[in-house]
Amino acid sequence: MPQTNIWNIVQALSAFKSQRRRDANHEHALRELRRFPPHLLADCQRELELTVPERRACDGTR
């Protein structure tokens, strides 16, 4: 039983870390895109809207 609890904690921490990494990568990509001129960003605006991850209710605001 204790091994199962430890494994569940490890999995939860791993999932949390992965989510944080994805969020950081997404934020970095958005910062890089802001460097482009607006007329170029307009060409890929539709793709950006499709790839923005939806926030879960438990994530809250940052």
C-alpha atoms as a PDB file:
ATOM      1  CA  MET A   1       0.000   0.000   0.000  1.00  0.00           C
ATOM      2  CA  PRO A   2       2.698   2.593   0.864  1.00  0.00           C
ATOM      3  CA  GLN A   3       4.446   1.899  -2.456  1.00  0.00           C
ATOM      4  CA  THR A   4       1.213   2.643  -4.301  1.00  0.00           C
ATOM      5  CA  ASN A   5       0.861   5.965  -2.484  1.00  0.00           C
ATOM      6  CA  ILE A   6       4.459   6.901  -3.269  1.00  0.00           C
ATOM      7  CA  TRP A   7       3.953   5.966  -6.920  1.00  0.00           C
ATOM      8  CA  ASN A   8       0.796   8.109  -7.079  1.00  0.00           C
ATOM      9  CA  ILE A   9       2.696  11.064  -5.633  1.00  0.00           C
ATOM     10  CA  VAL A  10       5.527  10.594  -8.133  1.00  0.00           C
ATOM     11  CA  GLN A  11       3.036  10.467 -11.005  1.00  0.00           C
ATOM     12  CA  ALA A  12       1.236  13.575  -9.769  1.00  0.00           C
ATOM     13  CA  LEU A  13       4.487  15.507  -9.430  1.00  0.00           C
ATOM     14  CA  SER A  14       5.585  14.390 -12.869  1.00  0.00           C
ATOM     15  CA  ALA A  15       2.284  15.493 -14.421  1.00  0.00           C
ATOM     16  CA  PHE A  16       2.505  18.843 -12.631  1.00  0.00           C
ATOM     17  CA  LYS A  17       6.072  19.364 -13.819  1.00  0.00           C
ATOM     18  CA  SER A  18       5.125  18.463 -17.401  1.00  0.00           C
ATOM     19  CA  GLN A  19       2.219  20.917 -17.353  1.00  0.00           C
ATOM     20  CA  ARG A  20       4.487  23.687 -16.034  1.00  0.00           C
ATOM     21  CA  ARG A  21       6.997  22.922 -18.786  1.00  0.00           C
ATOM     22  CA  ARG A  22       4.279  23.069 -21.460  1.00  0.00           C
ATOM     23  CA  ASP A  23       3.020  26.374 -20.051  1.00  0.00           C
ATOM     24  CA  ALA A  24       6.548  27.815 -20.008  1.00  0.00           C
ATOM     25  CA  ASN A  25       7.179  26.661 -23.577  1.00  0.00           C
ATOM     26  CA  HIS A  26       3.900  28.196 -24.701  1.00  0.00           C
ATOM     27  CA  GLU A  27       4.680  31.512 -22.986  1.00  0.00           C
ATOM     28  CA  HIS A  28       8.145  31.531 -24.553  1.00  0.00           C
ATOM     29  CA  ALA A  29       6.662  30.917 -28.000  1.00  0.00           C
ATOM     30  CA  LEU A  30       4.207  33.794 -27.529  1.00  0.00           C
ATOM     31  CA  ARG A  31       7.050  36.118 -26.474  1.00  0.00           C
ATOM     32  CA  GLU A  32       9.005  35.138 -29.579  1.00  0.00           C
ATOM     33  CA  LEU A  33       5.986  35.723 -31.815  1.00  0.00           C
ATOM     34  CA  ARG A  34       5.583  39.255 -30.457  1.00  0.00           C
ATOM     35  CA  ARG A  35       8.902  40.090 -32.077  1.00  0.00           C
ATOM     36  CA  PHE A  36       7.385  39.678 -35.544  1.00  0.00           C
ATOM     37  CA  PRO A  37       5.752  42.580 -37.391  1.00  0.00           C
ATOM     38  CA  PRO A  38       1.937  42.708 -37.095  1.00  0.00           C
ATOM     39  CA  HIS A  39       1.355  42.094 -40.812  1.00  0.00           C
ATOM     40  CA  LEU A  40       3.184  38.755 -40.522  1.00  0.00           C
ATOM     41  CA  LEU A  41       1.390  37.793 -37.332  1.00  0.00           C
ATOM     42  CA  ALA A  42      -1.978  38.303 -39.038  1.00  0.00           C
ATOM     43  CA  ASP A  43      -1.121  35.438 -41.402  1.00  0.00           C
ATOM     44  CA  CYS A  44      -0.795  32.951 -38.538  1.00  0.00           C
ATOM     45  CA  GLN A  45      -3.413  34.398 -36.153  1.00  0.00           C
ATOM     46  CA  ARG A  46      -5.919  31.639 -36.936  1.00  0.00           C
ATOM     47  CA  GLU A  47      -3.382  28.906 -36.142  1.00  0.00           C
ATOM     48  CA  LEU A  48      -2.453  30.644 -32.884  1.00  0.00           C
ATOM     49  CA  GLU A  49      -6.077  30.717 -31.776  1.00  0.00           C
ATOM     50  CA  LEU A  50      -6.425  27.013 -32.489  1.00  0.00           C
ATOM     51  CA  THR A  51      -3.318  26.056 -30.510  1.00  0.00           C
ATOM     52  CA  VAL A  52      -3.851  28.130 -27.361  1.00  0.00           C
ATOM     53  CA  PRO A  53      -4.372  25.616 -24.554  1.00  0.00           C
ATOM     54  CA  GLU A  54      -7.569  25.963 -22.594  1.00  0.00           C
ATOM     55  CA  ARG A  55      -7.103  26.671 -18.911  1.00  0.00           C
ATOM     56  CA  ARG A  56      -8.731  24.300 -16.489  1.00  0.00           C
ATOM     57  CA  ALA A  57     -10.916  25.810 -13.795  1.00  0.00           C
ATOM     58  CA  CYS A  58      -8.484  24.670 -11.098  1.00  0.00           C
ATOM     59  CA  ASP A  59      -5.524  26.457 -12.748  1.00  0.00           C
ATOM     60  CA  GLY A  60      -6.773  29.904 -11.736  1.00  0.00           C
ATOM     61  CA  THR A  61      -5.330  33.059 -13.208  1.00  0.00           C
ATOM     62  CA  ARG A  62      -1.725  34.131 -13.266  1.00  0.00           C
END
